[in-house]
mmCIF file of all heavy atoms, coordinates in Angstrom:
data_MODEL
# 
_entry.id   MODEL 
# 
loop_
_atom_site.group_PDB 
_atom_site.id 
_atom_site.type_symbol 
_atom_site.label_atom_id 
_atom_site.label_alt_id 
_atom_site.label_comp_id 
_atom_site.label_asym_id 
_atom_site.label_entity_id 
_atom_site.label_seq_id 
_atom_site.pdbx_PDB_ins_code 
_atom_site.Cartn_x 
_atom_site.Cartn_y 
_atom_site.Cartn_z 
_atom_site.occupancy 
_atom_site.B_iso_or_equiv 
_atom_site.pdbx_formal_charge 
_atom_site.auth_seq_id 
_atom_site.auth_comp_id 
_atom_site.auth_asym_id 
_atom_site.auth_atom_id 
_atom_site.pdbx_PDB_model_num 
ATOM 1   N N   . LEU A 1 1  ? -29.479 -41.920 -43.453 1.00 0.00 ? 1  LEU A N   1 
ATOM 2   C CA  . LEU A 1 1  ? -29.234 -41.835 -44.898 1.00 0.00 ? 1  LEU A CA  1 
ATOM 3   C C   . LEU A 1 1  ? -28.565 -40.522 -45.280 1.00 0.00 ? 1  LEU A C   1 
ATOM 4   O O   . LEU A 1 1  ? -27.706 -40.492 -46.173 1.00 0.00 ? 1  LEU A O   1 
ATOM 5   C CB  . LEU A 1 1  ? -30.555 -42.006 -45.647 1.00 0.00 ? 1  LEU A CB  1 
ATOM 6   C CG  . LEU A 1 1  ? -31.236 -43.379 -45.480 1.00 0.00 ? 1  LEU A CG  1 
ATOM 7   C CD1 . LEU A 1 1  ? -32.555 -43.410 -46.225 1.00 0.00 ? 1  LEU A CD1 1 
ATOM 8   C CD2 . LEU A 1 1  ? -30.316 -44.492 -45.979 1.00 0.00 ? 1  LEU A CD2 1 
ATOM 9   N N   . ARG A 1 2  ? -28.975 -39.431 -44.623 1.00 0.00 ? 2  ARG A N   1 
ATOM 10  C CA  . ARG A 1 2  ? -28.302 -38.158 -44.899 1.00 0.00 ? 2  ARG A CA  1 
ATOM 11  C C   . ARG A 1 2  ? -26.827 -38.228 -44.496 1.00 0.00 ? 2  ARG A C   1 
ATOM 12  O O   . ARG A 1 2  ? -25.945 -37.705 -45.196 1.00 0.00 ? 2  ARG A O   1 
ATOM 13  C CB  . ARG A 1 2  ? -29.000 -37.026 -44.153 1.00 0.00 ? 2  ARG A CB  1 
ATOM 14  C CG  . ARG A 1 2  ? -30.320 -36.595 -44.757 1.00 0.00 ? 2  ARG A CG  1 
ATOM 15  C CD  . ARG A 1 2  ? -30.751 -35.245 -44.205 1.00 0.00 ? 2  ARG A CD  1 
ATOM 16  N NE  . ARG A 1 2  ? -30.960 -35.306 -42.754 1.00 0.00 ? 2  ARG A NE  1 
ATOM 17  C CZ  . ARG A 1 2  ? -32.125 -35.572 -42.175 1.00 0.00 ? 2  ARG A CZ  1 
ATOM 18  N NH1 . ARG A 1 2  ? -33.189 -35.834 -42.929 1.00 0.00 ? 2  ARG A NH1 1 
ATOM 19  N NH2 . ARG A 1 2  ? -32.241 -35.589 -40.868 1.00 0.00 ? 2  ARG A NH2 1 
ATOM 20  N N   . GLY A 1 3  ? -26.551 -38.858 -43.359 1.00 0.00 ? 3  GLY A N   1 
ATOM 21  C CA  . GLY A 1 3  ? -25.163 -39.006 -42.938 1.00 0.00 ? 3  GLY A CA  1 
ATOM 22  C C   . GLY A 1 3  ? -24.351 -39.819 -43.926 1.00 0.00 ? 3  GLY A C   1 
ATOM 23  O O   . GLY A 1 3  ? -23.190 -39.493 -44.210 1.00 0.00 ? 3  GLY A O   1 
ATOM 24  N N   . ASP A 1 4  ? -24.945 -40.879 -44.482 1.00 0.00 ? 4  ASP A N   1 
ATOM 25  C CA  . ASP A 1 4  ? -24.237 -41.685 -45.480 1.00 0.00 ? 4  ASP A CA  1 
ATOM 26  C C   . ASP A 1 4  ? -23.993 -40.903 -46.758 1.00 0.00 ? 4  ASP A C   1 
ATOM 27  O O   . ASP A 1 4  ? -22.960 -41.076 -47.425 1.00 0.00 ? 4  ASP A O   1 
ATOM 28  C CB  . ASP A 1 4  ? -25.039 -42.946 -45.784 1.00 0.00 ? 4  ASP A CB  1 
ATOM 29  C CG  . ASP A 1 4  ? -25.065 -43.907 -44.601 1.00 0.00 ? 4  ASP A CG  1 
ATOM 30  O OD1 . ASP A 1 4  ? -24.177 -43.793 -43.735 1.00 0.00 ? 4  ASP A OD1 1 
ATOM 31  O OD2 . ASP A 1 4  ? -25.980 -44.760 -44.546 1.00 0.00 ? 4  ASP A OD2 1 
ATOM 32  N N   . GLY A 1 5  ? -24.948 -40.042 -47.123 1.00 0.00 ? 5  GLY A N   1 
ATOM 33  C CA  . GLY A 1 5  ? -24.735 -39.203 -48.310 1.00 0.00 ? 5  GLY A CA  1 
ATOM 34  C C   . GLY A 1 5  ? -23.564 -38.251 -48.117 1.00 0.00 ? 5  GLY A C   1 
ATOM 35  O O   . GLY A 1 5  ? -22.740 -38.064 -49.036 1.00 0.00 ? 5  GLY A O   1 
ATOM 36  N N   . LEU A 1 6  ? -23.465 -37.667 -46.932 1.00 0.00 ? 6  LEU A N   1 
ATOM 37  C CA  . LEU A 1 6  ? -22.327 -36.778 -46.648 1.00 0.00 ? 6  LEU A CA  1 
ATOM 38  C C   . LEU A 1 6  ? -21.015 -37.558 -46.621 1.00 0.00 ? 6  LEU A C   1 
ATOM 39  O O   . LEU A 1 6  ? -19.969 -37.063 -47.080 1.00 0.00 ? 6  LEU A O   1 
ATOM 40  C CB  . LEU A 1 6  ? -22.549 -36.073 -45.312 1.00 0.00 ? 6  LEU A CB  1 
ATOM 41  C CG  . LEU A 1 6  ? -23.721 -35.085 -45.274 1.00 0.00 ? 6  LEU A CG  1 
ATOM 42  C CD1 . LEU A 1 6  ? -23.896 -34.525 -43.860 1.00 0.00 ? 6  LEU A CD1 1 
ATOM 43  C CD2 . LEU A 1 6  ? -23.487 -33.936 -46.271 1.00 0.00 ? 6  LEU A CD2 1 
ATOM 44  N N   . LEU A 1 7  ? -21.051 -38.788 -46.089 1.00 0.00 ? 7  LEU A N   1 
ATOM 45  C CA  . LEU A 1 7  ? -19.846 -39.616 -46.087 1.00 0.00 ? 7  LEU A CA  1 
ATOM 46  C C   . LEU A 1 7  ? -19.397 -39.923 -47.515 1.00 0.00 ? 7  LEU A C   1 
ATOM 47  O O   . LEU A 1 7  ? -18.193 -39.846 -47.839 1.00 0.00 ? 7  LEU A O   1 
ATOM 48  C CB  . LEU A 1 7  ? -20.122 -40.915 -45.333 1.00 0.00 ? 7  LEU A CB  1 
ATOM 49  C CG  . LEU A 1 7  ? -19.014 -41.972 -45.365 1.00 0.00 ? 7  LEU A CG  1 
ATOM 50  C CD1 . LEU A 1 7  ? -17.756 -41.448 -44.666 1.00 0.00 ? 7  LEU A CD1 1 
ATOM 51  C CD2 . LEU A 1 7  ? -19.476 -43.275 -44.729 1.00 0.00 ? 7  LEU A CD2 1 
ATOM 52  N N   . ALA A 1 8  ? -20.360 -40.283 -48.376 1.00 0.00 ? 8  ALA A N   1 
ATOM 53  C CA  . ALA A 1 8  ? -20.015 -40.582 -49.775 1.00 0.00 ? 8  ALA A CA  1 
ATOM 54  C C   . ALA A 1 8  ? -19.415 -39.361 -50.462 1.00 0.00 ? 8  ALA A C   1 
ATOM 55  O O   . ALA A 1 8  ? -18.438 -39.466 -51.223 1.00 0.00 ? 8  ALA A O   1 
ATOM 56  C CB  . ALA A 1 8  ? -21.265 -41.050 -50.524 1.00 0.00 ? 8  ALA A CB  1 
ATOM 57  N N   . LEU A 1 9  ? -19.989 -38.184 -50.175 1.00 0.00 ? 9  LEU A N   1 
ATOM 58  C CA  . LEU A 1 9  ? -19.445 -36.966 -50.777 1.00 0.00 ? 9  LEU A CA  1 
ATOM 59  C C   . LEU A 1 9  ? -18.026 -36.703 -50.291 1.00 0.00 ? 9  LEU A C   1 
ATOM 60  O O   . LEU A 1 9  ? -17.138 -36.330 -51.081 1.00 0.00 ? 9  LEU A O   1 
ATOM 61  C CB  . LEU A 1 9  ? -20.356 -35.779 -50.424 1.00 0.00 ? 9  LEU A CB  1 
ATOM 62  C CG  . LEU A 1 9  ? -19.914 -34.408 -50.960 1.00 0.00 ? 9  LEU A CG  1 
ATOM 63  C CD1 . LEU A 1 9  ? -19.845 -34.426 -52.494 1.00 0.00 ? 9  LEU A CD1 1 
ATOM 64  C CD2 . LEU A 1 9  ? -20.862 -33.314 -50.480 1.00 0.00 ? 9  LEU A CD2 1 
ATOM 65  N N   . GLY A 1 10 ? -17.773 -36.913 -48.996 1.00 0.00 ? 10 GLY A N   1 
ATOM 66  C CA  . GLY A 1 10 ? -16.424 -36.702 -48.469 1.00 0.00 ? 10 GLY A CA  1 
ATOM 67  C C   . GLY A 1 10 ? -15.426 -37.667 -49.069 1.00 0.00 ? 10 GLY A C   1 
ATOM 68  O O   . GLY A 1 10 ? -14.281 -37.277 -49.402 1.00 0.00 ? 10 GLY A O   1 
ATOM 69  N N   . ILE A 1 11 ? -15.817 -38.954 -49.232 1.00 0.00 ? 11 ILE A N   1 
ATOM 70  C CA  . ILE A 1 11 ? -14.926 -39.940 -49.854 1.00 0.00 ? 11 ILE A CA  1 
ATOM 71  C C   . ILE A 1 11 ? -14.629 -39.560 -51.301 1.00 0.00 ? 11 ILE A C   1 
ATOM 72  O O   . ILE A 1 11 ? -13.484 -39.679 -51.783 1.00 0.00 ? 11 ILE A O   1 
ATOM 73  C CB  . ILE A 1 11 ? -15.551 -41.350 -49.773 1.00 0.00 ? 11 ILE A CB  1 
ATOM 74  C CG1 . ILE A 1 11 ? -15.645 -41.820 -48.324 1.00 0.00 ? 11 ILE A CG1 1 
ATOM 75  C CG2 . ILE A 1 11 ? -14.752 -42.342 -50.606 1.00 0.00 ? 11 ILE A CG2 1 
ATOM 76  C CD1 . ILE A 1 11 ? -14.332 -42.114 -47.669 1.00 0.00 ? 11 ILE A CD1 1 
ATOM 77  N N   . ALA A 1 12 ? -15.629 -39.074 -52.018 1.00 0.00 ? 12 ALA A N   1 
ATOM 78  C CA  . ALA A 1 12 ? -15.429 -38.701 -53.426 1.00 0.00 ? 12 ALA A CA  1 
ATOM 79  C C   . ALA A 1 12 ? -14.452 -37.543 -53.550 1.00 0.00 ? 12 ALA A C   1 
ATOM 80  O O   . ALA A 1 12 ? -13.515 -37.577 -54.377 1.00 0.00 ? 12 ALA A O   1 
ATOM 81  C CB  . ALA A 1 12 ? -16.775 -38.330 -54.048 1.00 0.00 ? 12 ALA A CB  1 
ATOM 82  N N   . LEU A 1 13 ? -14.645 -36.509 -52.736 1.00 0.00 ? 13 LEU A N   1 
ATOM 83  C CA  . LEU A 1 13 ? -13.742 -35.364 -52.799 1.00 0.00 ? 13 LEU A CA  1 
ATOM 84  C C   . LEU A 1 13 ? -12.330 -35.754 -52.390 1.00 0.00 ? 13 LEU A C   1 
ATOM 85  O O   . LEU A 1 13 ? -11.334 -35.333 -53.008 1.00 0.00 ? 13 LEU A O   1 
ATOM 86  C CB  . LEU A 1 13 ? -14.272 -34.241 -51.899 1.00 0.00 ? 13 LEU A CB  1 
ATOM 87  C CG  . LEU A 1 13 ? -15.613 -33.622 -52.317 1.00 0.00 ? 13 LEU A CG  1 
ATOM 88  C CD1 . LEU A 1 13 ? -16.061 -32.580 -51.302 1.00 0.00 ? 13 LEU A CD1 1 
ATOM 89  C CD2 . LEU A 1 13 ? -15.507 -33.000 -53.715 1.00 0.00 ? 13 LEU A CD2 1 
ATOM 90  N N   . GLY A 1 14 ? -12.215 -36.556 -51.333 1.00 0.00 ? 14 GLY A N   1 
ATOM 91  C CA  . GLY A 1 14 ? -10.900 -36.985 -50.877 1.00 0.00 ? 14 GLY A CA  1 
ATOM 92  C C   . GLY A 1 14 ? -10.194 -37.845 -51.900 1.00 0.00 ? 14 GLY A C   1 
ATOM 93  O O   . GLY A 1 14 ? -8.985  -37.689 -52.149 1.00 0.00 ? 14 GLY A O   1 
ATOM 94  N N   . ALA A 1 15 ? -10.927 -38.786 -52.504 1.00 0.00 ? 15 ALA A N   1 
ATOM 95  C CA  . ALA A 1 15 ? -10.316 -39.659 -53.507 1.00 0.00 ? 15 ALA A CA  1 
ATOM 96  C C   . ALA A 1 15 ? -9.875  -38.866 -54.730 1.00 0.00 ? 15 ALA A C   1 
ATOM 97  O O   . ALA A 1 15 ? -8.797  -39.117 -55.300 1.00 0.00 ? 15 ALA A O   1 
ATOM 98  C CB  . ALA A 1 15 ? -11.309 -40.748 -53.906 1.00 0.00 ? 15 ALA A CB  1 
ATOM 99  N N   . ALA A 1 16 ? -10.691 -37.899 -55.156 1.00 0.00 ? 16 ALA A N   1 
ATOM 100 C CA  . ALA A 1 16 ? -10.299 -37.074 -56.309 1.00 0.00 ? 16 ALA A CA  1 
ATOM 101 C C   . ALA A 1 16 ? -9.026  -36.296 -56.007 1.00 0.00 ? 16 ALA A C   1 
ATOM 102 O O   . ALA A 1 16 ? -8.122  -36.177 -56.870 1.00 0.00 ? 16 ALA A O   1 
ATOM 103 C CB  . ALA A 1 16 ? -11.437 -36.131 -56.673 1.00 0.00 ? 16 ALA A CB  1 
ATOM 104 N N   . ALA A 1 17 ? -8.933  -35.776 -54.803 1.00 0.00 ? 17 ALA A N   1 
ATOM 105 C CA  . ALA A 1 17 ? -7.748  -35.002 -54.434 1.00 0.00 ? 17 ALA A CA  1 
ATOM 106 C C   . ALA A 1 17 ? -6.510  -35.892 -54.373 1.00 0.00 ? 17 ALA A C   1 
ATOM 107 O O   . ALA A 1 17 ? -5.420  -35.512 -54.858 1.00 0.00 ? 17 ALA A O   1 
ATOM 108 C CB  . ALA A 1 17 ? -7.973  -34.306 -53.092 1.00 0.00 ? 17 ALA A CB  1 
ATOM 109 N N   . THR A 1 18 ? -6.618  -37.093 -53.816 1.00 0.00 ? 18 THR A N   1 
ATOM 110 C CA  . THR A 1 18 ? -5.441  -37.956 -53.700 1.00 0.00 ? 18 THR A CA  1 
ATOM 111 C C   . THR A 1 18 ? -5.013  -38.523 -55.044 1.00 0.00 ? 18 THR A C   1 
ATOM 112 O O   . THR A 1 18 ? -3.828  -38.839 -55.235 1.00 0.00 ? 18 THR A O   1 
ATOM 113 C CB  . THR A 1 18 ? -5.740  -39.121 -52.726 1.00 0.00 ? 18 THR A CB  1 
ATOM 114 O OG1 . THR A 1 18 ? -6.935  -39.792 -53.121 1.00 0.00 ? 18 THR A OG1 1 
ATOM 115 C CG2 . THR A 1 18 ? -5.903  -38.600 -51.309 1.00 0.00 ? 18 THR A CG2 1 
ATOM 116 N N   . VAL A 1 19 ? -5.948  -38.685 -55.970 1.00 0.00 ? 19 VAL A N   1 
ATOM 117 C CA  . VAL A 1 19 ? -5.544  -39.110 -57.322 1.00 0.00 ? 19 VAL A CA  1 
ATOM 118 C C   . VAL A 1 19 ? -4.584  -38.088 -57.923 1.00 0.00 ? 19 VAL A C   1 
ATOM 119 O O   . VAL A 1 19 ? -3.547  -38.433 -58.517 1.00 0.00 ? 19 VAL A O   1 
ATOM 120 C CB  . VAL A 1 19 ? -6.783  -39.309 -58.219 1.00 0.00 ? 19 VAL A CB  1 
ATOM 121 C CG1 . VAL A 1 19 ? -6.358  -39.412 -59.702 1.00 0.00 ? 19 VAL A CG1 1 
ATOM 122 C CG2 . VAL A 1 19 ? -7.539  -40.557 -57.815 1.00 0.00 ? 19 VAL A CG2 1 
ATOM 123 N N   . VAL A 1 20 ? -4.916  -36.818 -57.757 1.00 0.00 ? 20 VAL A N   1 
ATOM 124 C CA  . VAL A 1 20 ? -4.045  -35.754 -58.269 1.00 0.00 ? 20 VAL A CA  1 
ATOM 125 C C   . VAL A 1 20 ? -2.707  -35.770 -57.551 1.00 0.00 ? 20 VAL A C   1 
ATOM 126 O O   . VAL A 1 20 ? -1.633  -35.658 -58.177 1.00 0.00 ? 20 VAL A O   1 
ATOM 127 C CB  . VAL A 1 20 ? -4.732  -34.389 -58.108 1.00 0.00 ? 20 VAL A CB  1 
ATOM 128 C CG1 . VAL A 1 20 ? -3.794  -33.257 -58.537 1.00 0.00 ? 20 VAL A CG1 1 
ATOM 129 C CG2 . VAL A 1 20 ? -6.020  -34.345 -58.925 1.00 0.00 ? 20 VAL A CG2 1 
ATOM 130 N N   . LEU A 1 21 ? -2.745  -35.934 -56.215 1.00 0.00 ? 21 LEU A N   1 
ATOM 131 C CA  . LEU A 1 21 ? -1.499  -35.922 -55.445 1.00 0.00 ? 21 LEU A CA  1 
ATOM 132 C C   . LEU A 1 21 ? -0.626  -37.127 -55.764 1.00 0.00 ? 21 LEU A C   1 
ATOM 133 O O   . LEU A 1 21 ? 0.605   -36.999 -55.940 1.00 0.00 ? 21 LEU A O   1 
ATOM 134 C CB  . LEU A 1 21 ? -1.827  -35.898 -53.941 1.00 0.00 ? 21 LEU A CB  1 
ATOM 135 C CG  . LEU A 1 21 ? -2.507  -34.626 -53.432 1.00 0.00 ? 21 LEU A CG  1 
ATOM 136 C CD1 . LEU A 1 21 ? -2.847  -34.766 -51.951 1.00 0.00 ? 21 LEU A CD1 1 
ATOM 137 C CD2 . LEU A 1 21 ? -1.605  -33.408 -53.645 1.00 0.00 ? 21 LEU A CD2 1 
ATOM 138 N N   . TYR A 1 22 ? -1.226  -38.340 -55.846 1.00 0.00 ? 22 TYR A N   1 
ATOM 139 C CA  . TYR A 1 22 ? -0.437  -39.521 -56.183 1.00 0.00 ? 22 TYR A CA  1 
ATOM 140 C C   . TYR A 1 22 ? 0.132   -39.423 -57.601 1.00 0.00 ? 22 TYR A C   1 
ATOM 141 O O   . TYR A 1 22 ? 1.239   -39.903 -57.877 1.00 0.00 ? 22 TYR A O   1 
ATOM 142 C CB  . TYR A 1 22 ? -1.308  -40.776 -56.054 1.00 0.00 ? 22 TYR A CB  1 
ATOM 143 C CG  . TYR A 1 22 ? -1.409  -41.316 -54.640 1.00 0.00 ? 22 TYR A CG  1 
ATOM 144 C CD1 . TYR A 1 22 ? -2.637  -41.444 -54.017 1.00 0.00 ? 22 TYR A CD1 1 
ATOM 145 C CD2 . TYR A 1 22 ? -0.273  -41.722 -53.948 1.00 0.00 ? 22 TYR A CD2 1 
ATOM 146 C CE1 . TYR A 1 22 ? -2.752  -41.946 -52.716 1.00 0.00 ? 22 TYR A CE1 1 
ATOM 147 C CE2 . TYR A 1 22 ? -0.366  -42.213 -52.670 1.00 0.00 ? 22 TYR A CE2 1 
ATOM 148 C CZ  . TYR A 1 22 ? -1.606  -42.321 -52.045 1.00 0.00 ? 22 TYR A CZ  1 
ATOM 149 O OH  . TYR A 1 22 ? -1.693  -42.803 -50.772 1.00 0.00 ? 22 TYR A OH  1 
ATOM 150 N N   . SER A 1 23 ? -0.623  -38.824 -58.522 1.00 0.00 ? 23 SER A N   1 
ATOM 151 C CA  . SER A 1 23 ? -0.113  -38.654 -59.900 1.00 0.00 ? 23 SER A CA  1 
ATOM 152 C C   . SER A 1 23 ? 1.080   -37.721 -59.914 1.00 0.00 ? 23 SER A C   1 
ATOM 153 O O   . SER A 1 23 ? 2.092   -37.967 -60.602 1.00 0.00 ? 23 SER A O   1 
ATOM 154 C CB  . SER A 1 23 ? -1.220  -38.105 -60.798 1.00 0.00 ? 23 SER A CB  1 
ATOM 155 O OG  . SER A 1 23 ? -2.299  -39.013 -60.859 1.00 0.00 ? 23 SER A OG  1 
ATOM 156 N N   . ALA A 1 24 ? 0.983   -36.626 -59.128 1.00 0.00 ? 24 ALA A N   1 
ATOM 157 C CA  . ALA A 1 24 ? 2.107   -35.695 -59.059 1.00 0.00 ? 24 ALA A CA  1 
ATOM 158 C C   . ALA A 1 24 ? 3.319   -36.347 -58.423 1.00 0.00 ? 24 ALA A C   1 
ATOM 159 O O   . ALA A 1 24 ? 4.474   -36.026 -58.768 1.00 0.00 ? 24 ALA A O   1 
ATOM 160 C CB  . ALA A 1 24 ? 1.685   -34.452 -58.266 1.00 0.00 ? 24 ALA A CB  1 
ATOM 161 N N   . ALA A 1 25 ? 3.097   -37.267 -57.490 1.00 0.00 ? 25 ALA A N   1 
ATOM 162 C CA  . ALA A 1 25 ? 4.211   -37.958 -56.830 1.00 0.00 ? 25 ALA A CA  1 
ATOM 163 C C   . ALA A 1 25 ? 4.700   -39.154 -57.634 1.00 0.00 ? 25 ALA A C   1 
ATOM 164 O O   . ALA A 1 25 ? 5.622   -39.854 -57.184 1.00 0.00 ? 25 ALA A O   1 
ATOM 165 C CB  . ALA A 1 25 ? 3.774   -38.420 -55.439 1.00 0.00 ? 25 ALA A CB  1 
ATOM 166 N N   . GLU A 1 26 ? 4.094   -39.376 -58.829 1.00 0.00 ? 26 GLU A N   1 
ATOM 167 C CA  . GLU A 1 26 ? 4.479   -40.477 -59.713 1.00 0.00 ? 26 GLU A CA  1 
ATOM 168 C C   . GLU A 1 26 ? 4.402   -41.819 -58.991 1.00 0.00 ? 26 GLU A C   1 
ATOM 169 O O   . GLU A 1 26 ? 5.344   -42.594 -58.933 1.00 0.00 ? 26 GLU A O   1 
ATOM 170 C CB  . GLU A 1 26 ? 5.885   -40.253 -60.285 1.00 0.00 ? 26 GLU A CB  1 
ATOM 171 C CG  . GLU A 1 26 ? 5.975   -39.002 -61.141 1.00 0.00 ? 26 GLU A CG  1 
ATOM 172 C CD  . GLU A 1 26 ? 7.375   -38.804 -61.732 1.00 0.00 ? 26 GLU A CD  1 
ATOM 173 O OE1 . GLU A 1 26 ? 8.265   -39.603 -61.366 1.00 0.00 ? 26 GLU A OE1 1 
ATOM 174 O OE2 . GLU A 1 26 ? 7.553   -37.902 -62.551 1.00 0.00 ? 26 GLU A OE2 1 
ATOM 175 N N   . PHE A 1 27 ? 3.214   -42.049 -58.400 1.00 0.00 ? 27 PHE A N   1 
ATOM 176 C CA  . PHE A 1 27 ? 2.979   -43.296 -57.685 1.00 0.00 ? 27 PHE A CA  1 
ATOM 177 C C   . PHE A 1 27 ? 3.106   -44.487 -58.622 1.00 0.00 ? 27 PHE A C   1 
ATOM 178 O O   . PHE A 1 27 ? 3.604   -45.535 -58.234 1.00 0.00 ? 27 PHE A O   1 
ATOM 179 C CB  . PHE A 1 27 ? 1.586   -43.256 -57.047 1.00 0.00 ? 27 PHE A CB  1 
ATOM 180 C CG  . PHE A 1 27 ? 1.296   -44.416 -56.145 1.00 0.00 ? 27 PHE A CG  1 
ATOM 181 C CD1 . PHE A 1 27 ? 1.814   -44.469 -54.856 1.00 0.00 ? 27 PHE A CD1 1 
ATOM 182 C CD2 . PHE A 1 27 ? 0.506   -45.471 -56.592 1.00 0.00 ? 27 PHE A CD2 1 
ATOM 183 C CE1 . PHE A 1 27 ? 1.543   -45.543 -54.029 1.00 0.00 ? 27 PHE A CE1 1 
ATOM 184 C CE2 . PHE A 1 27 ? 0.231   -46.547 -55.763 1.00 0.00 ? 27 PHE A CE2 1 
ATOM 185 C CZ  . PHE A 1 27 ? 0.744   -46.590 -54.472 1.00 0.00 ? 27 PHE A CZ  1 
ATOM 186 N N   . PHE A 1 28 ? 2.603   -44.323 -59.866 1.00 0.00 ? 28 PHE A N   1 
ATOM 187 C CA  . PHE A 1 28 ? 2.826   -45.301 -60.926 1.00 0.00 ? 28 PHE A CA  1 
ATOM 188 C C   . PHE A 1 28 ? 3.712   -44.669 -61.994 1.00 0.00 ? 28 PHE A C   1 
ATOM 189 O O   . PHE A 1 28 ? 3.851   -43.442 -62.074 1.00 0.00 ? 28 PHE A O   1 
ATOM 190 C CB  . PHE A 1 28 ? 1.492   -45.753 -61.533 1.00 0.00 ? 28 PHE A CB  1 
ATOM 191 C CG  . PHE A 1 28 ? 0.682   -46.637 -60.605 1.00 0.00 ? 28 PHE A CG  1 
ATOM 192 C CD1 . PHE A 1 28 ? -0.551  -46.212 -60.116 1.00 0.00 ? 28 PHE A CD1 1 
ATOM 193 C CD2 . PHE A 1 28 ? 1.157   -47.890 -60.247 1.00 0.00 ? 28 PHE A CD2 1 
ATOM 194 C CE1 . PHE A 1 28 ? -1.290  -47.023 -59.269 1.00 0.00 ? 28 PHE A CE1 1 
ATOM 195 C CE2 . PHE A 1 28 ? 0.417   -48.698 -59.411 1.00 0.00 ? 28 PHE A CE2 1 
ATOM 196 C CZ  . PHE A 1 28 ? -0.810  -48.263 -58.905 1.00 0.00 ? 28 PHE A CZ  1 
ATOM 197 N N   . ASP A 1 29 ? 4.321   -45.543 -62.814 1.00 0.00 ? 29 ASP A N   1 
ATOM 198 C CA  . ASP A 1 29 ? 5.226   -45.045 -63.854 1.00 0.00 ? 29 ASP A CA  1 
ATOM 199 C C   . ASP A 1 29 ? 4.503   -44.189 -64.879 1.00 0.00 ? 29 ASP A C   1 
ATOM 200 O O   . ASP A 1 29 ? 5.063   -43.220 -65.411 1.00 0.00 ? 29 ASP A O   1 
ATOM 201 C CB  . ASP A 1 29 ? 5.923   -46.222 -64.565 1.00 0.00 ? 29 ASP A CB  1 
ATOM 202 C CG  . ASP A 1 29 ? 6.828   -46.996 -63.607 1.00 0.00 ? 29 ASP A CG  1 
ATOM 203 O OD1 . ASP A 1 29 ? 7.281   -46.374 -62.598 1.00 0.00 ? 29 ASP A OD1 1 
ATOM 204 O OD2 . ASP A 1 29 ? 7.057   -48.195 -63.843 1.00 0.00 ? 29 ASP A OD2 1 
ATOM 205 N N   . GLU A 1 30 ? 3.241   -44.510 -65.170 1.00 0.00 ? 30 GLU A N   1 
ATOM 206 C CA  . GLU A 1 30 ? 2.476   -43.775 -66.162 1.00 0.00 ? 30 GLU A CA  1 
ATOM 207 C C   . GLU A 1 30 ? 1.310   -43.055 -65.490 1.00 0.00 ? 30 GLU A C   1 
ATOM 208 O O   . GLU A 1 30 ? 0.725   -43.564 -64.522 1.00 0.00 ? 30 GLU A O   1 
ATOM 209 C CB  . GLU A 1 30 ? 1.937   -44.720 -67.255 1.00 0.00 ? 30 GLU A CB  1 
ATOM 210 C CG  . GLU A 1 30 ? 3.044   -45.429 -68.032 1.00 0.00 ? 30 GLU A CG  1 
ATOM 211 C CD  . GLU A 1 30 ? 2.480   -46.337 -69.104 1.00 0.00 ? 30 GLU A CD  1 
ATOM 212 O OE1 . GLU A 1 30 ? 1.217   -46.372 -69.216 1.00 0.00 ? 30 GLU A OE1 1 
ATOM 213 O OE2 . GLU A 1 30 ? 3.266   -47.002 -69.794 1.00 0.00 ? 30 GLU A OE2 1 
# 
């Protein structure tokens, strides 16, 4: 369970970072 908690935290941080990167790269028009 501790390992799954760390995995969830890593996915959250990674997803937040890629949202910013994809937005800067204009992945969608808006």
